Amino acid sequence: MPYKLTSTDGMHSFELRDHVPLVVGRAPTSDIPVVDPTISRRHAELECTDAGVTVRDLGSSNGTFLNGARVESATINAGDVVTFGKVGFRLQQVVPTPAPAATSAAPPGATIVRQLPVREPGATLAGLKADKNAPTVPSEQQTLDVDKSRQKLAILLEVSKGLGKATDIDSLLNKIVDYAYQILEVDRVAILMTEDSGELTPKIARDKRGGDTTRAVPQSIARTALKDKVAILSDNAGEDTRFGGQSILMQQIRSAICVPLIGSEDKALGILYVDNVTATHRFSDEDFEFCIAFAGIAAVAIENGQFAQRIQRELLTRSNFERFFTPQLAKRIAESSETIKLGGDKRQIAVLFTDIRGFTAMSESMRPDDMATLLTEYLTGMVECVFRYDGTLDKFIGDSVMAQWGAPIGGPDDPDKAMAAAIEMMHELDRLNARWRGEGRPELQHGIGLNFGEAFAGNIGSERRLEFTVIGDTVNTAARLCAAAEGEILLSDEFRRVLRNPPRLDECPPMEFKNKSQPVKVYRVDLG
């Protein structure tokens, strides 16, 4: 028994068709569009089955109610009032009018004229093949048909070449729409793309005058084509029994073609949709098959464009990361979708600070170019030590280096790697000093501080500039240990306790640090 929903004020009525899920919402693309501020864009879903009519709330803000009681999912009976937000509808049975006894039943309304799986072998170019049974001497009409087929094949070749030149997805979609208007006589062309969530999102919709159109693609047609992976040709979409969307009737859609964009591994990328609002029976079988072939080329171009953009994005990400991470670590970060959480999180990290002693006083007696050269050589050597042991260069602070192990990717041997980098820094400075001494240049001394503990790791900054860094008491203590170190490596007891292979250490007197209620137990590395 068919049903319909009639608004309690009697102003609106929507028919429900069997086994067709219908979305109720404020969005114009909804199957049952209801414009009211209390209704969400995707508010609820209705479906008429053999067991009756069911309603399911889609996480709406203002809820769905059955006879005044809020429900998440429920069965509606004839006479019940279902309310979406603050807009009520009554479910009514539709009693069909019997046909007169003397008259044969009327033929069914226009339905799907043709439906083709887009992967059916040979289906996409069926209308472009030569007729094997054609006579040896072709007629004038047959010659014309052959010329049309050749012209269409030539167009498809040009389309393939043209789409291959698109530089980004947006320009590619615009080219697809432009070619669609060259190929078919249509009133509107639209492309919807599949998001990661599985939802179809409109990307471009244009009328034949070249302007953007606000008319929405009927979701019932789009979902059918995408779900079943079939291309659909309908002579009169408004009367098509396959589709229950009221948006089709509201937009007065007559002829329509909807083709899924299927990429490699049978992946549904989206749909290509064309329609006509002025005449039924506008599209022929040849138009349909040609549109399928065109959509196949478009799908390949879109998938290649997405792949190229992903590669470009990964290369850019890696090039940015490699300024702060080792190439191996940068590659792992770029390929990982879960490594860095937006906003950051707390992690266990090992922190290293190194700082030149007396550099400010030294720089006052040096030429700016000599000072810059000396500092560059020193910082380069220290960063190489960090990278050699898979550390992350957090930042330069004047003549200081801050590095850390553990964010965004950590490992159980992070403290040992930080310790090895610190010892290597001491040896590297000895090598640099030996060279500078031979060149008659000033020598440098530095101190290194190490600490281990929990810190916040994430993107810090403003909308104009974001920087991945670590902050917290663990970082501050490492900086204070560095400030106290004079030509030596100082580390906290927390750092010492997590070392798997500690070097020889000498215990130092506990140190008082700002904002620390208790003295910090400190150790010095015995470098022999």
Protein backbone atom coordinates (compact mmCIF):
# COMPACT_ATOMS: atom_id res chain seq x y z
CA MET A 1 0.00 0.00 0.00
CA PRO A 2 1.58 3.34 -1.03
CA TYR A 3 1.97 6.14 1.50
CA LYS A 4 2.44 9.88 1.49
CA LEU A 5 3.53 12.49 4.00
CA THR A 6 1.32 15.55 4.29
CA SER A 7 2.38 18.54 6.36
CA THR A 8 0.06 19.30 9.27
CA ASP A 9 -0.73 22.67 7.70
CA GLY A 10 -1.72 20.91 4.46
CA MET A 11 0.71 22.97 2.38
CA HIS A 12 3.11 20.18 1.34
CA SER A 13 2.77 16.55 0.39
CA PHE A 14 5.41 13.97 -0.54
CA GLU A 15 4.81 10.48 -1.91
CA LEU A 16 6.82 7.57 -0.47
CA ARG A 17 7.81 4.83 -2.87
CA ASP A 18 8.59 1.28 -1.94
CA HIS A 19 12.15 0.31 -1.03
CA VAL A 20 13.59 3.75 -1.82
CA PRO A 21 15.38 5.43 1.13
CA LEU A 22 14.51 9.14 1.16
CA VAL A 23 16.49 11.79 3.01
CA VAL A 24 14.53 14.56 4.74
CA GLY A 25 16.54 17.74 5.19
CA ARG A 26 16.99 21.45 4.73
CA ALA A 27 19.49 20.99 1.88
CA PRO A 28 17.99 21.48 -1.59
CA THR A 29 19.59 18.17 -2.63
CA SER A 30 17.43 16.26 -0.12
CA ASP A 31 14.83 13.84 -1.48
CA ILE A 32 12.24 15.53 0.75
CA PRO A 33 13.45 19.13 1.01
CA VAL A 34 11.89 21.08 3.90
CA VAL A 35 13.12 24.63 4.30
CA ASP A 36 12.98 25.41 8.02
CA PRO A 37 15.74 26.58 10.42
CA THR A 38 14.91 23.80 12.91
CA ILE A 39 15.66 21.11 10.35
CA SER A 40 19.23 19.91 9.72
CA ARG A 41 20.67 19.64 6.22
CA ARG A 42 20.44 15.84 6.54
CA HIS A 43 17.82 15.44 9.23
CA ALA A 44 16.27 11.97 8.90
CA GLU A 45 15.73 9.07 6.51
CA LEU A 46 12.41 7.47 5.56
CA GLU A 47 11.91 4.12 3.88
CA CYS A 48 8.74 2.33 2.86
CA THR A 49 9.19 -1.47 3.06
CA ASP A 50 6.92 -4.50 3.14
CA ALA A 51 6.91 -4.21 6.95
CA GLY A 52 5.75 -0.59 6.87
CA VAL A 53 7.32 2.87 6.96
CA THR A 54 10.42 3.39 9.10
CA VAL A 55 12.03 6.66 10.13
CA ARG A 56 15.64 7.03 11.28
CA ASP A 57 17.16 10.20 12.70
CA LEU A 58 20.50 11.12 11.08
CA GLY A 59 22.00 12.88 14.08
CA SER A 60 19.92 16.04 13.68
CA SER A 61 20.34 18.98 16.05
CA ASN A 62 16.66 19.36 16.97
CA GLY A 63 15.57 15.73 16.82
CA THR A 64 12.88 13.61 15.20
CA PHE A 65 9.60 12.95 17.04
CA LEU A 66 6.85 10.35 16.59
CA ASN A 67 3.53 11.46 18.06
CA GLY A 68 5.43 13.86 20.34
CA ALA A 69 8.08 11.39 21.60
CA ARG A 70 11.66 11.80 20.43
CA VAL A 71 12.95 8.75 18.54
CA GLU A 72 16.18 7.57 16.95
CA SER A 73 14.47 4.92 14.85
CA ALA A 74 10.83 3.86 14.72
CA THR A 75 8.02 2.42 12.60
CA ILE A 76 5.31 4.86 11.53
CA ASN A 77 1.69 3.81 11.03
CA ALA A 78 -0.99 5.53 8.99
CA GLY A 79 -2.36 8.49 10.95
CA ASP A 80 0.82 8.99 13.00
CA VAL A 81 2.44 12.42 13.12
CA VAL A 82 6.18 12.53 12.62
CA THR A 83 7.89 15.84 13.40
CA PHE A 84 11.29 16.90 12.08
CA GLY A 85 12.56 19.71 14.28
CA LYS A 86 9.37 21.75 14.60
CA VAL A 87 7.76 20.78 11.28
CA GLY A 88 5.10 18.07 11.53
CA PHE A 89 3.85 15.64 8.88
CA ARG A 90 1.04 13.08 9.00
CA LEU A 91 1.49 9.67 7.34
CA GLN A 92 -1.41 8.79 5.07
CA GLN A 93 -2.22 5.77 2.93
CA VAL A 94 -2.82 6.43 -0.74
CA VAL A 95 -5.74 4.43 -2.11
CA PRO A 96 -5.24 3.90 -5.84
CA THR A 97 -8.20 4.66 -8.09
CA PRO A 98 -9.28 1.44 -9.88
CA ALA A 99 -9.34 1.53 -13.66
CA PRO A 100 -12.74 1.26 -15.40
CA ALA A 101 -13.73 -2.35 -16.14
CA ALA A 102 -14.16 -1.75 -19.84
CA THR A 103 -10.78 -0.13 -20.24
CA SER A 104 -7.46 -1.92 -20.21
CA ALA A 105 -4.94 -0.81 -17.62
CA ALA A 106 -2.91 2.22 -18.58
CA PRO A 107 0.68 1.54 -19.59
CA PRO A 108 3.23 2.21 -16.88
CA GLY A 109 4.76 5.65 -16.70
CA ALA A 110 8.13 6.32 -18.23
CA THR A 111 10.89 4.44 -16.46
CA ILE A 112 14.56 3.82 -17.05
CA VAL A 113 14.98 3.50 -20.78
CA ARG A 114 18.38 1.90 -20.51
CA GLN A 115 20.79 0.89 -17.81
CA LEU A 116 24.33 -0.33 -18.43
CA PRO A 117 27.08 -1.52 -16.12
CA VAL A 118 29.95 0.81 -16.93
CA ARG A 119 32.41 -2.11 -16.90
CA GLU A 120 30.41 -4.21 -19.37
CA PRO A 121 32.88 -5.31 -22.11
CA GLY A 122 32.37 -3.25 -25.21
CA ALA A 123 29.35 -1.43 -23.82
CA THR A 124 30.95 1.99 -23.74
CA LEU A 125 31.65 2.13 -27.45
CA ALA A 126 28.77 -0.01 -28.65
CA GLY A 127 27.27 2.81 -30.64
CA LEU A 128 30.56 3.64 -32.33
CA LYS A 129 31.24 0.23 -33.96
CA ALA A 130 30.70 -0.53 -37.61
CA ASP A 131 27.81 -2.84 -38.54
CA LYS A 132 29.20 -6.21 -39.69
CA ASN A 133 25.98 -6.93 -41.60
CA ALA A 134 26.09 -3.68 -43.53
CA PRO A 135 25.95 -4.08 -47.35
CA THR A 136 29.13 -3.78 -49.38
CA VAL A 137 27.88 -0.59 -50.97
CA PRO A 138 26.68 1.62 -48.09
CA SER A 139 23.65 3.78 -48.40
CA GLU A 140 23.77 7.53 -47.92
CA GLN A 141 22.41 7.15 -44.37
CA GLN A 142 24.96 4.44 -43.54
CA THR A 143 27.75 6.62 -44.84
CA LEU A 144 26.48 9.46 -42.66
CA ASP A 145 26.37 7.14 -39.62
CA VAL A 146 29.96 6.02 -40.25
CA ASP A 147 31.08 9.63 -40.54
CA LYS A 148 29.35 10.43 -37.23
CA SER A 149 31.07 7.50 -35.53
CA ARG A 150 34.44 8.62 -36.84
CA GLN A 151 33.73 12.14 -35.66
CA LYS A 152 32.82 10.89 -32.19
CA LEU A 153 35.96 8.76 -31.99
CA ALA A 154 38.01 11.79 -33.04
CA ILE A 155 36.29 13.86 -30.34
CA LEU A 156 37.07 11.23 -27.72
CA LEU A 157 40.71 11.23 -28.82
CA GLU A 158 40.87 15.02 -28.48
CA VAL A 159 39.12 14.80 -25.12
CA SER A 160 41.72 12.31 -23.91
CA LYS A 161 44.56 14.58 -25.05
CA GLY A 162 42.95 17.71 -23.62
CA LEU A 163 42.21 16.23 -20.21
CA GLY A 164 45.76 14.96 -19.98
CA LYS A 165 47.03 18.56 -20.05
CA ALA A 166 45.04 19.73 -17.00
CA THR A 167 47.31 20.94 -14.21
CA ASP A 168 45.00 20.47 -11.23
CA ILE A 169 41.68 18.86 -10.30
CA ASP A 170 39.64 22.10 -10.48
CA SER A 171 40.79 22.95 -14.01
CA LEU A 172 40.32 19.28 -14.97
CA LEU A 173 36.68 19.29 -13.83
CA ASN A 174 36.06 22.54 -15.72
CA LYS A 175 37.48 20.97 -18.89
CA ILE A 176 35.26 17.92 -18.47
CA VAL A 177 32.18 20.15 -18.27
CA ASP A 178 33.30 22.15 -21.32
CA TYR A 179 33.76 18.97 -23.37
CA ALA A 180 30.38 17.63 -22.20
CA TYR A 181 28.64 20.68 -23.69
CA GLN A 182 30.53 20.19 -26.95
CA ILE A 183 29.49 16.55 -27.16
CA LEU A 184 25.85 16.62 -26.03
CA GLU A 185 22.90 18.98 -26.28
CA VAL A 186 22.15 19.42 -22.58
CA ASP A 187 20.79 22.11 -20.28
CA ARG A 188 23.05 21.30 -17.35
CA VAL A 189 26.23 19.37 -16.52
CA ALA A 190 27.28 18.52 -12.98
CA ILE A 191 30.06 16.51 -11.36
CA LEU A 192 29.84 15.14 -7.83
CA MET A 193 32.85 13.53 -6.17
CA THR A 194 32.93 10.84 -3.51
CA GLU A 195 34.47 11.92 -0.20
CA ASP A 196 36.32 9.61 2.20
CA SER A 197 33.08 9.30 4.19
CA GLY A 198 31.31 7.92 1.11
CA GLU A 199 29.11 11.01 0.71
CA LEU A 200 28.71 12.64 -2.69
CA THR A 201 29.81 16.28 -2.72
CA PRO A 202 28.97 18.67 -5.59
CA LYS A 203 32.17 20.01 -7.19
CA ILE A 204 30.86 21.79 -10.25
CA ALA A 205 27.41 22.45 -11.78
CA ARG A 206 26.97 24.65 -14.83
CA ASP A 207 24.15 25.57 -17.18
CA LYS A 208 24.48 25.87 -20.95
CA ARG A 209 25.02 29.64 -20.70
CA GLY A 210 28.23 28.95 -18.78
CA GLY A 211 26.97 30.17 -15.41
CA ASP A 212 26.92 28.24 -12.16
CA THR A 213 23.55 26.71 -11.42
CA THR A 214 21.99 26.30 -8.00
CA ARG A 215 19.74 23.45 -9.11
CA ALA A 216 20.82 20.37 -7.25
CA VAL A 217 21.51 16.95 -8.75
CA PRO A 218 18.72 14.58 -7.66
CA GLN A 219 20.28 12.42 -4.97
CA SER A 220 18.05 9.44 -5.76
CA ILE A 221 19.47 9.22 -9.29
CA ALA A 222 23.05 9.90 -8.20
CA ARG A 223 22.97 7.33 -5.38
CA THR A 224 21.47 4.66 -7.62
CA ALA A 225 24.15 5.13 -10.28
CA LEU A 226 26.97 5.17 -7.73
CA LYS A 227 25.72 2.31 -5.55
CA ASP A 228 24.95 -0.09 -8.42
CA LYS A 229 27.81 1.24 -10.62
CA VAL A 230 25.48 1.56 -13.58
CA ALA A 231 24.98 4.29 -16.12
CA ILE A 232 21.36 5.43 -16.27
CA LEU A 233 19.37 6.95 -19.14
CA SER A 234 15.88 8.16 -18.28
CA ASP A 235 13.45 9.64 -20.79
CA ASN A 236 11.29 11.33 -18.16
CA ALA A 237 12.93 11.36 -14.74
CA GLY A 238 9.91 12.95 -13.10
CA GLU A 239 7.79 9.89 -13.87
CA ASP A 240 10.52 7.32 -13.35
CA THR A 241 9.31 4.73 -10.84
CA ARG A 242 12.91 3.91 -9.85
CA PHE A 243 13.41 7.32 -8.25
CA GLY A 244 11.42 8.67 -5.32
CA GLY A 245 13.06 12.05 -4.94
CA GLN A 246 10.72 15.03 -4.82
CA SER A 247 13.62 17.24 -6.02
CA ILE A 248 13.21 15.67 -9.48
CA LEU A 249 9.61 16.84 -9.67
CA MET A 250 10.42 20.24 -8.19
CA GLN A 251 13.13 20.88 -10.79
CA GLN A 252 10.96 19.55 -13.66
CA ILE A 253 13.73 17.32 -14.93
CA ARG A 254 12.80 15.50 -18.13
CA SER A 255 15.64 13.58 -19.80
CA ALA A 256 18.70 12.69 -17.75
CA ILE A 257 21.91 10.68 -18.03
CA CYS A 258 23.91 9.79 -14.94
CA VAL A 259 27.18 7.88 -15.25
CA PRO A 260 29.42 6.80 -12.35
CA LEU A 261 33.07 7.78 -12.64
CA ILE A 262 34.83 4.47 -12.02
CA GLY A 263 38.60 4.45 -11.54
CA SER A 264 41.08 1.61 -11.21
CA GLU A 265 40.27 -1.33 -8.96
CA ASP A 266 36.58 -0.55 -9.52
CA LYS A 267 36.79 2.48 -7.23
CA ALA A 268 33.83 4.88 -7.49
CA LEU A 269 35.24 8.43 -7.77
CA GLY A 270 31.91 10.19 -8.26
CA ILE A 271 29.27 10.75 -10.93
CA LEU A 272 28.85 12.72 -14.15
CA TYR A 273 25.30 14.00 -14.57
CA VAL A 274 23.61 15.73 -17.52
CA ASP A 275 19.94 16.60 -17.91
CA ASN A 276 17.36 18.45 -19.94
CA VAL A 277 14.41 20.35 -18.50
CA THR A 278 12.65 21.26 -21.73
CA ALA A 279 11.94 18.01 -23.54
CA THR A 280 11.54 14.29 -22.94
CA HIS A 281 13.22 11.66 -25.14
CA ARG A 282 16.10 14.07 -25.78
CA PHE A 283 18.95 11.56 -25.49
CA SER A 284 19.45 8.67 -27.91
CA ASP A 285 21.18 5.34 -27.30
CA GLU A 286 24.21 6.73 -29.11
CA ASP A 287 24.27 9.74 -26.79
CA PHE A 288 24.05 7.38 -23.84
CA GLU A 289 26.90 5.13 -24.99
CA PHE A 290 29.00 8.10 -26.01
CA CYS A 291 28.47 9.67 -22.58
CA ILE A 292 29.63 6.42 -20.93
CA ALA A 293 32.80 6.39 -23.04
CA PHE A 294 33.41 10.05 -22.23
CA ALA A 295 32.89 9.43 -18.50
CA GLY A 296 35.39 6.56 -18.63
CA ILE A 297 38.06 8.89 -20.06
CA ALA A 298 37.14 11.56 -17.51
CA ALA A 299 37.45 9.06 -14.64
CA VAL A 300 40.96 8.07 -15.73
CA ALA A 301 41.97 11.73 -15.98
CA ILE A 302 40.52 12.53 -12.53
CA GLU A 303 42.24 9.56 -10.91
CA ASN A 304 45.56 10.50 -12.55
CA GLY A 305 45.08 14.09 -11.39
CA GLN A 306 44.38 13.00 -7.83
CA PHE A 307 47.42 10.74 -7.88
CA ALA A 308 49.63 13.55 -9.21
CA GLN A 309 48.35 15.96 -6.55
CA ARG A 310 48.98 13.38 -3.83
CA ILE A 311 52.54 12.83 -5.05
CA GLN A 312 53.14 16.58 -5.23
CA ARG A 313 51.73 17.06 -1.73
CA GLU A 314 53.92 14.28 -0.33
CA LEU A 315 57.01 15.71 -2.03
CA LEU A 316 56.27 19.17 -0.64
CA THR A 317 55.64 17.73 2.82
CA ARG A 318 58.86 15.76 2.71
CA SER A 319 60.87 18.75 1.49
CA ASN A 320 59.49 20.83 4.39
CA PHE A 321 60.07 18.07 6.93
CA GLU A 322 63.62 17.40 5.75
CA ARG A 323 64.65 20.81 7.04
CA PHE A 324 63.98 19.52 10.56
CA PHE A 325 64.04 15.72 10.32
CA THR A 326 66.35 13.14 8.82
CA PRO A 327 65.31 12.09 5.27
CA GLN A 328 64.29 8.64 6.54
CA LEU A 329 62.12 10.11 9.30
CA ALA A 330 60.67 12.74 6.93
CA LYS A 331 59.63 9.95 4.56
CA ARG A 332 57.87 8.08 7.38
CA ILE A 333 56.06 11.24 8.48
CA ALA A 334 54.95 12.16 4.94
CA GLU A 335 53.58 8.67 4.31
CA SER A 336 51.79 8.41 7.65
CA SER A 337 48.25 9.80 7.96
CA GLU A 338 48.18 9.46 11.76
CA THR A 339 51.64 10.64 12.77
CA ILE A 340 50.91 14.27 13.60
CA LYS A 341 47.55 15.00 15.19
CA LEU A 342 46.04 18.38 14.43
CA GLY A 343 46.41 20.36 17.63
CA GLY A 344 49.05 18.02 19.03
CA ASP A 345 49.21 15.59 21.93
CA LYS A 346 51.35 14.67 24.94
CA ARG A 347 54.35 12.45 24.33
CA GLN A 348 57.39 11.10 26.17
CA ILE A 349 60.43 12.82 24.67
CA ALA A 350 64.16 13.23 25.15
CA VAL A 351 65.25 16.88 24.84
CA LEU A 352 68.73 18.23 24.06
CA PHE A 353 69.93 21.83 24.28
CA THR A 354 73.39 23.05 23.32
CA ASP A 355 74.61 26.62 23.73
CA ILE A 356 77.92 28.40 22.94
CA ARG A 357 79.63 29.92 25.95
CA GLY A 358 80.58 33.60 25.71
CA PHE A 359 79.51 33.95 22.08
CA THR A 360 77.84 37.35 22.58
CA ALA A 361 81.05 38.90 23.96
CA MET A 362 83.11 37.21 21.25
CA SER A 363 80.86 38.48 18.46
CA GLU A 364 81.41 42.09 19.54
CA SER A 365 85.07 41.85 18.52
CA MET A 366 84.45 40.00 15.23
CA ARG A 367 83.43 41.21 11.78
CA PRO A 368 79.80 40.30 11.00
CA ASP A 369 80.79 38.08 8.06
CA ASP A 370 83.36 36.17 10.15
CA MET A 371 80.87 35.76 12.99
CA ALA A 372 78.18 34.46 10.59
CA THR A 373 80.62 32.02 8.97
CA LEU A 374 81.81 30.67 12.31
CA LEU A 375 78.26 30.26 13.64
CA THR A 376 77.09 28.58 10.44
CA GLU A 377 79.92 26.04 10.58
CA TYR A 378 79.19 25.30 14.24
CA LEU A 379 75.42 24.91 13.79
CA THR A 380 75.90 22.76 10.68
CA GLY A 381 78.15 20.39 12.61
CA MET A 382 75.71 20.17 15.53
CA VAL A 383 72.69 19.51 13.29
CA GLU A 384 74.57 16.73 11.50
CA CYS A 385 75.09 15.07 14.89
CA VAL A 386 71.35 15.31 15.61
CA PHE A 387 70.40 13.84 12.24
CA ARG A 388 73.06 11.13 12.47
CA TYR A 389 71.14 9.73 15.44
CA ASP A 390 67.60 10.22 14.00
CA GLY A 391 66.79 13.29 16.07
CA THR A 392 64.44 16.14 15.24
CA LEU A 393 65.83 19.66 14.93
CA ASP A 394 63.24 21.69 16.80
CA LYS A 395 64.74 25.14 16.33
CA PHE A 396 67.76 27.43 16.46
CA ILE A 397 67.67 30.00 19.27
CA GLY A 398 70.46 32.43 18.45
CA ASP A 399 73.64 30.38 18.94
CA SER A 400 71.72 27.55 20.64
CA VAL A 401 70.34 24.34 19.16
CA MET A 402 67.22 22.61 20.47
CA ALA A 403 66.62 19.02 19.38
CA GLN A 404 64.32 16.27 20.55
CA TRP A 405 63.63 12.57 20.11
CA GLY A 406 60.12 11.14 20.42
CA ALA A 407 57.85 13.46 18.41
CA PRO A 408 56.18 13.09 16.05
CA ILE A 409 57.55 9.52 15.86
CA GLY A 410 59.28 7.93 18.82
CA GLY A 411 61.05 4.73 19.76
CA PRO A 412 62.24 2.91 22.88
CA ASP A 413 65.89 3.89 22.26
CA ASP A 414 65.25 7.66 21.95
CA PRO A 415 67.20 8.57 25.15
CA ASP A 416 70.20 6.51 24.04
CA LYS A 417 70.18 8.20 20.64
CA ALA A 418 70.01 11.63 22.30
CA MET A 419 72.94 10.73 24.53
CA ALA A 420 74.98 9.46 21.57
CA ALA A 421 74.25 12.70 19.69
CA ALA A 422 75.36 14.79 22.69
CA ILE A 423 78.68 12.91 22.99
CA GLU A 424 79.18 13.21 19.23
CA MET A 425 78.59 16.98 19.52
CA MET A 426 81.45 17.26 22.02
CA HIS A 427 83.78 15.36 19.68
CA GLU A 428 82.60 17.38 16.67
CA LEU A 429 83.38 20.66 18.47
CA ASP A 430 86.86 19.32 19.26
CA ARG A 431 87.39 18.68 15.53
CA LEU A 432 86.07 22.12 14.60
CA ASN A 433 88.27 23.83 17.19
CA ALA A 434 91.34 22.00 15.88
CA ARG A 435 90.62 23.24 12.35
CA TRP A 436 89.81 26.79 13.44
CA ARG A 437 92.98 26.89 15.58
CA GLY A 438 95.05 25.93 12.54
CA GLU A 439 93.36 28.70 10.53
CA GLY A 440 93.96 31.28 13.23
CA ARG A 441 90.27 31.62 14.00
CA PRO A 442 88.60 31.78 17.45
CA GLU A 443 87.74 28.56 19.24
CA LEU A 444 84.37 27.87 20.87
CA GLN A 445 83.15 26.14 24.00
CA HIS A 446 79.61 24.96 24.65
CA GLY A 447 77.44 23.20 27.20
CA ILE A 448 74.80 20.52 26.63
CA GLY A 449 71.71 19.73 28.73
CA LEU A 450 69.58 16.57 28.46
CA ASN A 451 66.21 15.73 30.01
CA PHE A 452 63.45 13.16 29.54
CA GLY A 453 59.74 13.33 30.33
CA GLU A 454 56.27 14.23 29.11
CA ALA A 455 55.79 17.27 26.88
CA PHE A 456 53.15 18.68 24.55
CA ALA A 457 54.07 18.10 20.90
CA GLY A 458 52.15 19.76 18.09
CA ASN A 459 51.65 22.70 15.77
CA ILE A 460 52.10 25.94 17.68
CA GLY A 461 51.76 29.48 16.34
CA SER A 462 49.25 31.69 14.60
CA GLU A 463 47.08 31.41 11.51
CA ARG A 464 49.87 33.00 9.49
CA ARG A 465 52.66 30.75 10.73
CA LEU A 466 52.55 27.33 12.38
CA GLU A 467 55.56 25.48 13.74
CA PHE A 468 55.84 21.92 14.99
CA THR A 469 57.52 22.02 18.38
CA VAL A 470 57.53 20.61 21.93
CA ILE A 471 56.77 22.62 25.06
CA GLY A 472 56.50 21.98 28.78
CA ASP A 473 58.49 21.59 31.99
CA THR A 474 60.58 18.80 30.47
CA VAL A 475 61.85 21.23 27.82
CA ASN A 476 62.45 24.05 30.32
CA THR A 477 64.53 21.80 32.60
CA ALA A 478 66.71 20.67 29.69
CA ALA A 479 67.35 24.34 28.79
CA ARG A 480 68.36 25.15 32.39
CA LEU A 481 70.71 22.16 32.53
CA CYS A 482 72.32 23.46 29.33
CA ALA A 483 72.71 26.94 30.84
CA ALA A 484 74.49 25.39 33.85
CA ALA A 485 76.85 23.24 31.76
CA GLU A 486 80.37 24.59 31.17
CA GLY A 487 82.09 22.60 28.45
CA GLU A 488 80.25 19.45 29.62
CA ILE A 489 77.08 17.34 29.26
CA LEU A 490 74.63 17.54 32.15
CA LEU A 491 71.59 15.30 32.42
CA SER A 492 68.70 14.84 34.81
CA ASP A 493 68.08 11.75 36.91
CA GLU A 494 64.91 11.16 34.84
CA PHE A 495 67.06 10.96 31.73
CA ARG A 496 69.64 8.70 33.40
CA ARG A 497 67.01 6.18 34.55
CA VAL A 498 65.66 5.55 31.01
CA LEU A 499 69.07 4.96 29.41
CA ARG A 500 69.61 1.38 28.29
CA ASN A 501 73.36 1.75 27.77
CA PRO A 502 74.48 4.68 29.92
CA PRO A 503 78.05 6.03 29.60
CA ARG A 504 80.20 6.64 32.66
CA LEU A 505 78.48 9.27 34.78
CA ASP A 506 79.54 11.43 37.73
CA GLU A 507 76.88 12.55 40.18
CA CYS A 508 76.79 16.33 40.71
CA PRO A 509 75.36 18.31 43.64
CA PRO A 510 71.59 18.84 43.21
CA MET A 511 70.67 22.09 41.43
CA GLU A 512 67.97 24.62 42.29
CA PHE A 513 65.91 25.65 39.25
CA LYS A 514 63.18 28.25 38.94
CA ASN A 515 59.63 26.88 39.38
CA LYS A 516 60.99 23.63 40.84
CA SER A 517 59.92 22.94 44.41
CA GLN A 518 62.69 20.37 44.91
CA PRO A 519 66.35 20.44 43.83
CA VAL A 520 67.03 18.53 40.60
CA LYS A 521 69.36 15.56 40.79
CA VAL A 522 72.04 16.06 38.11
CA TYR A 523 74.71 13.89 36.50
CA ARG A 524 77.74 14.76 34.37
CA VAL A 525 78.99 12.59 31.49
CA ASP A 526 82.57 11.42 32.05
CA LEU A 527 84.17 11.94 28.63
CA GLY A 528 87.51 10.55 29.84
